[in-house]
PDB file of N, CA and C in Angstrom:
ATOM      1  N   MET A   1      -7.186 100.873 130.982  1.00  0.00           N
ATOM      2  CA  MET A   1      -6.913 101.352 129.651  1.00  0.00           C
ATOM      3  C   MET A   1      -6.775 102.866 129.683  1.00  0.00           C
ATOM      4  N   LYS A   2      -5.734 103.382 129.020  1.00  0.00           N
ATOM      5  CA  LYS A   2      -5.544 104.824 129.021  1.00  0.00           C
ATOM      6  C   LYS A   2      -6.479 105.477 128.019  1.00  0.00           C
ATOM      7  N   ASN A   3      -6.842 106.708 128.299  1.00  0.00           N
ATOM      8  CA  ASN A   3      -7.674 107.460 127.358  1.00  0.00           C
ATOM      9  C   ASN A   3      -6.794 107.936 126.220  1.00  0.00           C
ATOM     10  N   VAL A   4      -7.208 107.649 125.030  1.00  0.00           N
ATOM     11  CA  VAL A   4      -6.472 108.061 123.846  1.00  0.00           C
ATOM     12  C   VAL A   4      -7.325 109.029 123.060  1.00  0.00           C
ATOM     13  N   ILE A   5      -6.763 110.168 122.751  1.00  0.00           N
ATOM     14  CA  ILE A   5      -7.474 111.148 121.939  1.00  0.00           C
ATOM     15  C   ILE A   5      -7.071 110.879 120.496  1.00  0.00           C
ATOM     16  N   PRO A   6      -8.013 110.448 119.674  1.00  0.00           N
ATOM     17  CA  PRO A   6      -7.660 110.132 118.294  1.00  0.00           C
ATOM     18  C   PRO A   6      -7.310 111.386 117.503  1.00  0.00           C
ATOM     19  N   ALA A   7      -6.433 111.209 116.541  1.00  0.00           N
ATOM     20  CA  ALA A   7      -6.099 112.308 115.637  1.00  0.00           C
ATOM     21  C   ALA A   7      -7.333 112.631 114.806  1.00  0.00           C
ATOM     22  N   PRO A   8      -7.478 113.883 114.440  1.00  0.00           N
ATOM     23  CA  PRO A   8      -8.647 114.225 113.619  1.00  0.00           C
ATOM     24  C   PRO A   8      -8.593 113.510 112.272  1.00  0.00           C
ATOM     25  N   LEU A   9      -9.740 113.045 111.852  1.00  0.00           N
ATOM     26  CA  LEU A   9      -9.842 112.374 110.564  1.00  0.00           C
ATOM     27  C   LEU A   9     -10.176 113.392 109.489  1.00  0.00           C
ATOM     28  N   PRO A  10      -9.873 113.047 108.243  1.00  0.00           N
ATOM     29  CA  PRO A  10     -10.275 113.957 107.166  1.00  0.00           C
ATOM     30  C   PRO A  10     -11.784 114.157 107.204  1.00  0.00           C
ATOM     31  N   ASP A  11     -12.229 115.272 106.660  1.00  0.00           N
ATOM     32  CA  ASP A  11     -13.651 115.602 106.674  1.00  0.00           C
ATOM     33  C   ASP A  11     -14.499 114.597 105.913  1.00  0.00           C
ATOM     34  N   ALA A  12     -13.934 114.004 104.880  1.00  0.00           N
ATOM     35  CA  ALA A  12     -14.710 113.086 104.058  1.00  0.00           C
ATOM     36  C   ALA A  12     -13.848 111.896 103.663  1.00  0.00           C
ATOM     37  N   MET A  13     -14.514 110.794 103.389  1.00  0.00           N
ATOM     38  CA  MET A  13     -13.791 109.625 102.919  1.00  0.00           C
ATOM     39  C   MET A  13     -13.140 109.961 101.581  1.00  0.00           C
ATOM     40  N   PRO A  14     -11.873 109.534 101.389  1.00  0.00           N
ATOM     41  CA  PRO A  14     -11.233 109.790 100.089  1.00  0.00           C
ATOM     42  C   PRO A  14     -11.990 109.081  98.969  1.00  0.00           C
ATOM     43  N   ASP A  15     -11.860 109.611  97.772  1.00  0.00           N
ATOM     44  CA  ASP A  15     -12.513 108.977  96.632  1.00  0.00           C
ATOM     45  C   ASP A  15     -11.835 107.641  96.326  1.00  0.00           C
ATOM     46  N   LEU A  16     -12.425 106.879  95.443  1.00  0.00           N
ATOM     47  CA  LEU A  16     -11.943 105.529  95.146  1.00  0.00           C
ATOM     48  C   LEU A  16     -10.504 105.519  94.653  1.00  0.00           C
ATOM     49  N   ASP A  17     -10.135 106.433  93.790  1.00  0.00           N
ATOM     50  CA  ASP A  17      -8.759 106.479  93.291  1.00  0.00           C
ATOM     51  C   ASP A  17      -7.773 106.740  94.425  1.00  0.00           C
ATOM     52  N   SER A  18      -8.122 107.636  95.320  1.00  0.00           N
ATOM     53  CA  SER A  18      -7.257 107.922  96.462  1.00  0.00           C
ATOM     54  C   SER A  18      -7.152 106.717  97.390  1.00  0.00           C
ATOM     55  N   ARG A  19      -8.270 106.035  97.622  1.00  0.00           N
ATOM     56  CA  ARG A  19      -8.238 104.838  98.476  1.00  0.00           C
ATOM     57  C   ARG A  19      -7.364 103.763  97.851  1.00  0.00           C
ATOM     58  N   ARG A  20      -7.425 103.626  96.543  1.00  0.00           N
ATOM     59  CA  ARG A  20      -6.566 102.646  95.865  1.00  0.00           C
ATOM     60  C   ARG A  20      -5.094 102.998  96.043  1.00  0.00           C
ATOM     61  N   GLU A  21      -4.769 104.273  95.908  1.00  0.00           N
ATOM     62  CA  GLU A  21      -3.378 104.709  96.073  1.00  0.00           C
ATOM     63  C   GLU A  21      -2.895 104.463  97.504  1.00  0.00           C
ATOM     64  N   ILE A  22      -3.726 104.773  98.474  1.00  0.00           N
ATOM     65  CA  ILE A  22      -3.371 104.531  99.878  1.00  0.00           C
ATOM     66  C   ILE A  22      -3.197 103.042 100.124  1.00  0.00           C
ATOM     67  N   ALA A  23      -4.110 102.224  99.608  1.00  0.00           N
ATOM     68  CA  ALA A  23      -4.000 100.769  99.763  1.00  0.00           C
ATOM     69  C   ALA A  23      -2.714 100.253  99.127  1.00  0.00           C
ATOM     70  N   ASP A  24      -2.332 100.798  97.976  1.00  0.00           N
ATOM     71  CA  ASP A  24      -1.084 100.399  97.324  1.00  0.00           C
ATOM     72  C   ASP A  24       0.125 100.733  98.196  1.00  0.00           C
ATOM     73  N   LEU A  25       0.090 101.888  98.845  1.00  0.00           N
ATOM     74  CA  LEU A  25       1.196 102.251  99.733  1.00  0.00           C
ATOM     75  C   LEU A  25       1.320 101.259 100.881  1.00  0.00           C
ATOM     76  N   PHE A  26       0.193 100.890 101.464  1.00  0.00           N
ATOM     77  CA  PHE A  26       0.240  99.911 102.556  1.00  0.00           C
ATOM     78  C   PHE A  26       0.685  98.542 102.044  1.00  0.00           C
ATOM     79  N   ARG A  27       0.281  98.182 100.828  1.00  0.00           N
ATOM     80  CA  ARG A  27       0.716  96.908 100.253  1.00  0.00           C
ATOM     81  C   ARG A  27       2.224  96.900 100.069  1.00  0.00           C
ATOM     82  N   ILE A  28       2.757  97.988  99.569  1.00  0.00           N
ATOM     83  CA  ILE A  28       4.206  98.080  99.365  1.00  0.00           C
ATOM     84  C   ILE A  28       4.930  98.016 100.704  1.00  0.00           C
ATOM     85  N   LEU A  29       4.425  98.690 101.704  1.00  0.00           N
ATOM     86  CA  LEU A  29       5.052  98.662 103.028  1.00  0.00           C
ATOM     87  C   LEU A  29       4.803  97.348 103.757  1.00  0.00           C
ATOM     88  N   GLY A  30       3.905  96.510 103.228  1.00  0.00           N
ATOM     89  CA  GLY A  30       3.589  95.224 103.852  1.00  0.00           C
ATOM     90  C   GLY A  30       4.679  94.179 103.689  1.00  0.00           C
ATOM     91  N   ASP A  31       5.684  94.442 102.895  1.00  0.00           N
ATOM     92  CA  ASP A  31       6.800  93.521 102.732  1.00  0.00           C
ATOM     93  C   ASP A  31       7.871  93.851 103.769  1.00  0.00           C
ATOM     94  N   PRO A  32       8.290  92.876 104.591  1.00  0.00           N
ATOM     95  CA  PRO A  32       9.259  93.171 105.658  1.00  0.00           C
ATOM     96  C   PRO A  32      10.588  93.737 105.150  1.00  0.00           C
ATOM     97  N   THR A  33      11.042  93.308 103.986  1.00  0.00           N
ATOM     98  CA  THR A  33      12.299  93.837 103.455  1.00  0.00           C
ATOM     99  C   THR A  33      12.140  95.292 103.054  1.00  0.00           C
ATOM    100  N   ARG A  34      11.064  95.621 102.350  1.00  0.00           N
ATOM    101  CA  ARG A  34      10.834  97.014 101.966  1.00  0.00           C
ATOM    102  C   ARG A  34      10.631  97.889 103.190  1.00  0.00           C
ATOM    103  N   LEU A  35       9.918  97.382 104.169  1.00  0.00           N
ATOM    104  CA  LEU A  35       9.716  98.142 105.401  1.00  0.00           C
ATOM    105  C   LEU A  35      11.064  98.407 106.080  1.00  0.00           C
ATOM    106  N   GLY A  36      11.920  97.398 106.103  1.00  0.00           N
ATOM    107  CA  GLY A  36      13.256  97.573 106.685  1.00  0.00           C
ATOM    108  C   GLY A  36      14.069  98.609 105.933  1.00  0.00           C
ATOM    109  N   ILE A  37      13.946  98.626 104.620  1.00  0.00           N
ATOM    110  CA  ILE A  37      14.669  99.618 103.818  1.00  0.00           C
ATOM    111  C   ILE A  37      14.196 101.022 104.166  1.00  0.00           C
ATOM    112  N   VAL A  38      12.903 101.211 104.280  1.00  0.00           N
ATOM    113  CA  VAL A  38      12.388 102.540 104.621  1.00  0.00           C
ATOM    114  C   VAL A  38      12.884 102.943 106.010  1.00  0.00           C
ATOM    115  N   TYR A  39      12.836 102.029 106.970  1.00  0.00           N
ATOM    116  CA  TYR A  39      13.363 102.345 108.307  1.00  0.00           C
ATOM    117  C   TYR A  39      14.835 102.720 108.234  1.00  0.00           C
ATOM    118  N   ALA A  40      15.610 102.013 107.413  1.00  0.00           N
ATOM    119  CA  ALA A  40      17.039 102.297 107.287  1.00  0.00           C
ATOM    120  C   ALA A  40      17.274 103.704 106.734  1.00  0.00           C
ATOM    121  N   CYS A  41      16.345 104.193 105.947  1.00  0.00           N
ATOM    122  CA  CYS A  41      16.499 105.502 105.300  1.00  0.00           C
ATOM    123  C   CYS A  41      15.948 106.662 106.128  1.00  0.00           C
ATOM    124  N   LEU A  42      15.409 106.391 107.296  1.00  0.00           N
ATOM    125  CA  LEU A  42      14.773 107.453 108.077  1.00  0.00           C
ATOM    126  C   LEU A  42      15.772 108.418 108.697  1.00  0.00           C
ATOM    127  N   ASP A  43      16.851 107.899 109.243  1.00  0.00           N
ATOM    128  CA  ASP A  43      17.768 108.744 110.009  1.00  0.00           C
ATOM    129  C   ASP A  43      18.696 109.583 109.139  1.00  0.00           C
ATOM    130  N   ALA A  44      19.234 108.959 108.106  1.00  0.00           N
ATOM    131  CA  ALA A  44      20.189 109.656 107.250  1.00  0.00           C
ATOM    132  C   ALA A  44      20.193 108.986 105.885  1.00  0.00           C
ATOM    133  N   PRO A  45      20.550 109.721 104.847  1.00  0.00           N
ATOM    134  CA  PRO A  45      20.633 109.105 103.523  1.00  0.00           C
ATOM    135  C   PRO A  45      21.627 107.951 103.526  1.00  0.00           C
ATOM    136  N   MET A  46      21.273 106.884 102.823  1.00  0.00           N
ATOM    137  CA  MET A  46      22.137 105.704 102.767  1.00  0.00           C
ATOM    138  C   MET A  46      22.294 105.256 101.318  1.00  0.00           C
ATOM    139  N   ALA A  47      23.487 104.773 100.994  1.00  0.00           N
ATOM    140  CA  ALA A  47      23.735 104.193  99.683  1.00  0.00           C
ATOM    141  C   ALA A  47      23.086 102.813  99.626  1.00  0.00           C
ATOM    142  N   ALA A  48      22.724 102.378  98.418  1.00  0.00           N
ATOM    143  CA  ALA A  48      22.058 101.082  98.250  1.00  0.00           C
ATOM    144  C   ALA A  48      22.896  99.945  98.817  1.00  0.00           C
ATOM    145  N   GLY A  49      24.200  99.984  98.610  1.00  0.00           N
ATOM    146  CA  GLY A  49      25.068  98.929  99.139  1.00  0.00           C
ATOM    147  C   GLY A  49      25.056  98.882 100.655  1.00  0.00           C
ATOM    148  N   ASP A  50      25.022 100.039 101.289  1.00  0.00           N
ATOM    149  CA  ASP A  50      24.958 100.093 102.752  1.00  0.00           C
ATOM    150  C   ASP A  50      23.618  99.577 103.271  1.00  0.00           C
ATOM    151  N   ILE A  51      22.562  99.874 102.534  1.00  0.00           N
ATOM    152  CA  ILE A  51      21.236  99.358 102.900  1.00  0.00           C
ATOM    153  C   ILE A  51      21.247  97.832 102.806  1.00  0.00           C
ATOM    154  N   ALA A  52      21.795  97.309 101.719  1.00  0.00           N
ATOM    155  CA  ALA A  52      21.870  95.855 101.529  1.00  0.00           C
ATOM    156  C   ALA A  52      22.664  95.214 102.663  1.00  0.00           C
ATOM    157  N   ASP A  53      23.784  95.807 103.030  1.00  0.00           N
ATOM    158  CA  ASP A  53      24.600  95.263 104.123  1.00  0.00           C
ATOM    159  C   ASP A  53      23.832  95.292 105.448  1.00  0.00           C
ATOM    160  N   LYS A  54      23.181  96.406 105.716  1.00  0.00           N
ATOM    161  CA  LYS A  54      22.453  96.550 106.980  1.00  0.00           C
ATOM    162  C   LYS A  54      21.341  95.512 107.111  1.00  0.00           C
ATOM    163  N   LEU A  55      20.659  95.224 105.993  1.00  0.00           N
ATOM    164  CA  LEU A  55      19.531  94.292 106.024  1.00  0.00           C
ATOM    165  C   LEU A  55      19.942  92.863 105.674  1.00  0.00           C
ATOM    166  N   GLU A  56      21.240  92.684 105.372  1.00  0.00           N
ATOM    167  CA  GLU A  56      21.764  91.361 105.019  1.00  0.00           C
ATOM    168  C   GLU A  56      21.017  90.759 103.830  1.00  0.00           C
ATOM    169  N   ILE A  57      20.889  91.573 102.773  1.00  0.00           N
ATOM    170  CA  ILE A  57      20.282  91.128 101.522  1.00  0.00           C
ATOM    171  C   ILE A  57      21.262  91.440 100.398  1.00  0.00           C
ATOM    172  N   SER A  58      21.012  90.885  99.240  1.00  0.00           N
ATOM    173  CA  SER A  58      21.899  91.144  98.107  1.00  0.00           C
ATOM    174  C   SER A  58      21.693  92.573  97.590  1.00  0.00           C
ATOM    175  N   PRO A  59      22.744  93.152  97.026  1.00  0.00           N
ATOM    176  CA  PRO A  59      22.579  94.491  96.442  1.00  0.00           C
ATOM    177  C   PRO A  59      21.512  94.538  95.351  1.00  0.00           C
ATOM    178  N   SER A  60      21.400  93.474  94.556  1.00  0.00           N
ATOM    179  CA  SER A  60      20.385  93.484  93.503  1.00  0.00           C
ATOM    180  C   SER A  60      18.974  93.455  94.094  1.00  0.00           C
ATOM    181  N   LEU A  61      18.771  92.719  95.184  1.00  0.00           N
ATOM    182  CA  LEU A  61      17.456  92.714  95.832  1.00  0.00           C
ATOM    183  C   LEU A  61      17.152  94.081  96.434  1.00  0.00           C
ATOM    184  N   ALA A  62      18.150  94.696  97.059  1.00  0.00           N
ATOM    185  CA  ALA A  62      17.956  96.041  97.612  1.00  0.00           C
ATOM    186  C   ALA A  62      17.570  97.012  96.499  1.00  0.00           C
ATOM    187  N   SER A  63      18.262  96.940  95.367  1.00  0.00           N
ATOM    188  CA  SER A  63      17.967  97.837  94.248  1.00  0.00           C
ATOM    189  C   SER A  63      16.558  97.618  93.714  1.00  0.00           C
ATOM    190  N   HIS A  64      16.152  96.355  93.628  1.00  0.00           N
ATOM    191  CA  HIS A  64      14.790  96.043  93.170  1.00  0.00           C
ATOM    192  C   HIS A  64      13.750  96.696  94.079  1.00  0.00           C
ATOM    193  N   HIS A  65      13.922  96.514  95.386  1.00  0.00           N
ATOM    194  CA  HIS A  65      12.961  97.092  96.331  1.00  0.00           C
ATOM    195  C   HIS A  65      13.028  98.615  96.319  1.00  0.00           C
ATOM    196  N   LEU A  66      14.219  99.177  96.185  1.00  0.00           N
ATOM    197  CA  LEU A  66      14.354 100.631  96.141  1.00  0.00           C
ATOM    198  C   LEU A  66      13.622 101.218  94.932  1.00  0.00           C
ATOM    199  N   ARG A  67      13.646 100.525  93.806  1.00  0.00           N
ATOM    200  CA  ARG A  67      12.895 101.004  92.630  1.00  0.00           C
ATOM    201  C   ARG A  67      11.402 101.084  92.940  1.00  0.00           C
ATOM    202  N   LEU A  68      10.885 100.038  93.602  1.00  0.00           N
ATOM    203  CA  LEU A  68       9.460 100.036  93.954  1.00  0.00           C
ATOM    204  C   LEU A  68       9.133 101.147  94.951  1.00  0.00           C
ATOM    205  N   LEU A  69       9.997 101.332  95.929  1.00  0.00           N
ATOM    206  CA  LEU A  69       9.766 102.356  96.945  1.00  0.00           C
ATOM    207  C   LEU A  69       9.857 103.762  96.350  1.00  0.00           C
ATOM    208  N   ARG A  70      10.759 103.956  95.403  1.00  0.00           N
ATOM    209  CA  ARG A  70      10.851 105.262  94.725  1.00  0.00           C
ATOM    210  C   ARG A  70       9.600 105.515  93.900  1.00  0.00           C
ATOM    211  N   ALA A  71       9.149 104.500  93.169  1.00  0.00           N
ATOM    212  CA  ALA A  71       7.946 104.656  92.341  1.00  0.00           C
ATOM    213  C   ALA A  71       6.729 104.995  93.196  1.00  0.00           C
ATOM    214  N   ALA A  72       6.707 104.487  94.424  1.00  0.00           N
ATOM    215  CA  ALA A  72       5.594 104.756  95.343  1.00  0.00           C
ATOM    216  C   ALA A  72       5.787 106.068  96.111  1.00  0.00           C
ATOM    217  N   ARG A  73       6.891 106.756  95.847  1.00  0.00           N
ATOM    218  CA  ARG A  73       7.219 108.025  96.507  1.00  0.00           C
ATOM    219  C   ARG A  73       7.404 107.875  98.008  1.00  0.00           C
ATOM    220  N   LEU A  74       7.915 106.719  98.433  1.00  0.00           N
ATOM    221  CA  LEU A  74       8.199 106.501  99.849  1.00  0.00           C
ATOM    222  C   LEU A  74       9.654 106.813 100.186  1.00  0.00           C
ATOM    223  N   VAL A  75      10.539 106.667  99.212  1.00  0.00           N
ATOM    224  CA  VAL A  75      11.929 107.090  99.365  1.00  0.00           C
ATOM    225  C   VAL A  75      12.295 107.965  98.168  1.00  0.00           C
ATOM    226  N   ARG A  76      13.305 108.767  98.361  1.00  0.00           N
ATOM    227  CA  ARG A  76      13.816 109.581  97.262  1.00  0.00           C
ATOM    228  C   ARG A  76      15.303 109.311  97.102  1.00  0.00           C
ATOM    229  N   ALA A  77      15.791 109.548  95.914  1.00  0.00           N
ATOM    230  CA  ALA A  77      17.195 109.295  95.593  1.00  0.00           C
ATOM    231  C   ALA A  77      17.905 110.613  95.334  1.00  0.00           C
ATOM    232  N   ASP A  78      19.144 110.669  95.797  1.00  0.00           N
ATOM    233  CA  ASP A  78      19.970 111.853  95.596  1.00  0.00           C
ATOM    234  C   ASP A  78      21.325 111.386  95.081  1.00  0.00           C
ATOM    235  N   ARG A  79      21.635 111.706  93.827  1.00  0.00           N
ATOM    236  CA  ARG A  79      22.902 111.285  93.231  1.00  0.00           C
ATOM    237  C   ARG A  79      24.002 112.236  93.690  1.00  0.00           C
ATOM    238  N   ARG A  80      25.089 111.631  94.195  1.00  0.00           N
ATOM    239  CA  ARG A  80      26.283 112.379  94.590  1.00  0.00           C
ATOM    240  C   ARG A  80      27.469 111.704  93.918  1.00  0.00           C
ATOM    241  N   GLY A  81      27.878 112.265  92.825  1.00  0.00           N
ATOM    242  CA  GLY A  81      28.960 111.656  92.055  1.00  0.00           C
ATOM    243  C   GLY A  81      28.497 110.333  91.483  1.00  0.00           C
ATOM    244  N   LYS A  82      29.239 109.270  91.790  1.00  0.00           N
ATOM    245  CA  LYS A  82      28.898 107.943  91.278  1.00  0.00           C
ATOM    246  C   LYS A  82      27.900 107.212  92.165  1.00  0.00           C
ATOM    247  N   HIS A  83      27.603 107.770  93.323  1.00  0.00           N
ATOM    248  CA  HIS A  83      26.746 107.077  94.287  1.00  0.00           C
ATOM    249  C   HIS A  83      25.364 107.714  94.362  1.00  0.00           C
ATOM    250  N   VAL A  84      24.384 106.882  94.669  1.00  0.00           N
ATOM    251  CA  VAL A  84      23.020 107.345  94.885  1.00  0.00           C
ATOM    252  C   VAL A  84      22.682 107.067  96.348  1.00  0.00           C
ATOM    253  N   TYR A  85      22.200 108.080  97.026  1.00  0.00           N
ATOM    254  CA  TYR A  85      21.815 107.957  98.430  1.00  0.00           C
ATOM    255  C   TYR A  85      20.303 108.057  98.538  1.00  0.00           C
ATOM    256  N   TYR A  86      19.753 107.201  99.372  1.00  0.00           N
ATOM    257  CA  TYR A  86      18.298 107.121  99.531  1.00  0.00           C
ATOM    258  C   TYR A  86      17.903 107.611 100.918  1.00  0.00           C
ATOM    259  N   SER A  87      16.788 108.320 100.970  1.00  0.00           N
ATOM    260  CA  SER A  87      16.235 108.786 102.241  1.00  0.00           C
ATOM    261  C   SER A  87      14.716 108.714 102.158  1.00  0.00           C
ATOM    262  N   ALA A  88      14.080 108.793 103.320  1.00  0.00           N
ATOM    263  CA  ALA A  88      12.618 108.812 103.343  1.00  0.00           C
ATOM    264  C   ALA A  88      12.140 110.016 102.538  1.00  0.00           C
ATOM    265  N   ALA A  89      11.073 109.847 101.806  1.00  0.00           N
ATOM    266  CA  ALA A  89      10.601 110.883 100.892  1.00  0.00           C
ATOM    267  C   ALA A  89      10.233 112.176 101.617  1.00  0.00           C
ATOM    268  N   ASP A  90       9.617 112.064 102.777  1.00  0.00           N
ATOM    269  CA  ASP A  90       9.234 113.252 103.541  1.00  0.00           C
ATOM    270  C   ASP A  90       8.840 112.843 104.952  1.00  0.00           C
ATOM    271  N   GLU A  91       8.452 113.813 105.736  1.00  0.00           N
ATOM    272  CA  GLU A  91       8.100 113.585 107.138  1.00  0.00           C
ATOM    273  C   GLU A  91       6.868 112.689 107.286  1.00  0.00           C
ATOM    274  N   HIS A  92       5.979 112.681 106.292  1.00  0.00           N
ATOM    275  CA  HIS A  92       4.785 111.840 106.371  1.00  0.00           C
ATOM    276  C   HIS A  92       5.152 110.369 106.506  1.00  0.00           C
ATOM    277  N   VAL A  93       6.183 109.936 105.790  1.00  0.00           N
ATOM    278  CA  VAL A  93       6.603 108.531 105.841  1.00  0.00           C
ATOM    279  C   VAL A  93       7.017 108.180 107.266  1.00  0.00           C
ATOM    280  N   SER A  94       7.820 109.031 107.874  1.00  0.00           N
ATOM    281  CA  SER A  94       8.258 108.804 109.249  1.00  0.00           C
ATOM    282  C   SER A  94       7.074 108.778 110.215  1.00  0.00           C
ATOM    283  N   CYS A  95       6.133 109.684 110.028  1.00  0.00           N
ATOM    284  CA  CYS A  95       4.963 109.749 110.914  1.00  0.00           C
ATOM    285  C   CYS A  95       4.106 108.486 110.804  1.00  0.00           C
ATOM    286  N   VAL A  96       3.879 108.016 109.589  1.00  0.00           N
ATOM    287  CA  VAL A  96       3.074 106.800 109.401  1.00  0.00           C
ATOM    288  C   VAL A  96       3.742 105.619 110.099  1.00  0.00           C
ATOM    289  N   LEU A  97       5.051 105.462 109.900  1.00  0.00           N
ATOM    290  CA  LEU A  97       5.753 104.333 110.521  1.00  0.00           C
ATOM    291  C   LEU A  97       5.760 104.458 112.039  1.00  0.00           C
ATOM    292  N   SER A  98       5.962 105.665 112.535  1.00  0.00           N
ATOM    293  CA  SER A  98       5.955 105.883 113.976  1.00  0.00           C
ATOM    294  C   SER A  98       4.585 105.558 114.571  1.00  0.00           C
ATOM    295  N   ASP A  99       3.524 106.022 113.919  1.00  0.00           N
ATOM    296  CA  ASP A  99       2.166 105.753 114.404  1.00  0.00           C
ATOM    297  C   ASP A  99       1.855 104.255 114.373  1.00  0.00           C
ATOM    298  N   MET A 100       2.252 103.575 113.313  1.00  0.00           N
ATOM    299  CA  MET A 100       1.977 102.140 113.191  1.00  0.00           C
ATOM    300  C   MET A 100       2.781 101.344 114.220  1.00  0.00           C
ATOM    301  N   ALA A 101       4.039 101.730 114.463  1.00  0.00           N
ATOM    302  CA  ALA A 101       4.859 101.040 115.471  1.00  0.00           C
ATOM    303  C   ALA A 101       4.253 101.237 116.860  1.00  0.00           C
ATOM    304  N   GLU A 102       3.796 102.445 117.137  1.00  0.00           N
ATOM    305  CA  GLU A 102       3.152 102.722 118.425  1.00  0.00           C
ATOM    306  C   GLU A 102       1.881 101.902 118.576  1.00  0.00           C
ATOM    307  N   HIS A 103       1.107 101.823 117.521  1.00  0.00           N
ATOM    308  CA  HIS A 103      -0.127 101.038 117.553  1.00  0.00           C
ATOM    309  C   HIS A 103       0.182  99.555 117.776  1.00  0.00           C
ATOM    310  N   ALA A 104       1.182  99.030 117.085  1.00  0.00           N
ATOM    311  CA  ALA A 104       1.538  97.614 117.210  1.00  0.00           C
ATOM    312  C   ALA A 104       2.035  97.280 118.611  1.00  0.00           C
ATOM    313  N   ALA A 105       2.641  98.252 119.292  1.00  0.00           N
ATOM    314  CA  ALA A 105       3.190  98.013 120.624  1.00  0.00           C
ATOM    315  C   ALA A 105       2.129  98.122 121.727  1.00  0.00           C
ATOM    316  N   GLU A 106       0.951  98.611 121.402  1.00  0.00           N
ATOM    317  CA  GLU A 106      -0.102  98.730 122.411  1.00  0.00           C
ATOM    318  C   GLU A 106      -0.546  97.360 122.872  1.00  0.00           C
ATOM    319  N   PRO A 107      -0.841  97.233 124.163  1.00  0.00           N
ATOM    320  CA  PRO A 107      -1.356  95.948 124.634  1.00  0.00           C
ATOM    321  C   PRO A 107      -2.727  95.659 124.007  1.00  0.00           C
ATOM    322  N   VAL A 108      -3.013  94.413 123.812  1.00  0.00           N
ATOM    323  CA  VAL A 108      -4.290  93.997 123.223  1.00  0.00           C
ATOM    324  C   VAL A 108      -5.368  94.096 124.294  1.00  0.00           C
ATOM    325  N   ASP A 109      -6.431  94.799 123.977  1.00  0.00           N
ATOM    326  CA  ASP A 109      -7.572  94.898 124.885  1.00  0.00           C
ATOM    327  C   ASP A 109      -8.587  93.844 124.445  1.00  0.00           C
ATOM    328  N   GLU A 110      -8.595  92.729 125.146  1.00  0.00           N
ATOM    329  CA  GLU A 110      -9.449  91.587 124.768  1.00  0.00           C
ATOM    330  C   GLU A 110     -10.939  91.938 124.768  1.00  0.00           C
ATOM    331  N   ASP A 111     -11.332  92.938 125.558  1.00  0.00           N
ATOM    332  CA  ASP A 111     -12.748  93.318 125.631  1.00  0.00           C
ATOM    333  C   ASP A 111     -13.235  93.968 124.348  1.00  0.00           C
ATOM    334  N   HIS A 112     -12.323  94.468 123.533  1.00  0.00           N
ATOM    335  CA  HIS A 112     -12.726  95.191 122.325  1.00  0.00           C
ATOM    336  C   HIS A 112     -12.391  94.451 121.053  1.00  0.00           C
ATOM    337  N   LEU A 113     -12.111  93.168 121.146  1.00  0.00           N
ATOM    338  CA  LEU A 113     -11.824  92.387 119.928  1.00  0.00           C
ATOM    339  C   LEU A 113     -13.074  91.842 119.321  1.00  0.00           C
TER     340      LEU A 113
END
């Protein structure tokens, strides 16, 4: 097993309201379609129709999920003429997904389960 240096944790546990907000973010990202939409928005802004095509879902379903993701501040919208382009809200979103993907790809250490 490789030695892993954990990232520093916050000095104190977040208060209950903050924990609820964090839990809500994870709940929203817990849906595979919404997670796919956020991944689609990481590299470059994408129109809702392009997101729907990429994920092979209906445009109305993509729009529904995009509304939830915007409300959670995970994606942001930028209107350009008649089109709205979506991108990850900020670098934190990318970092969380990158860290979680790295964690999921780690081999399971049966001795620590």
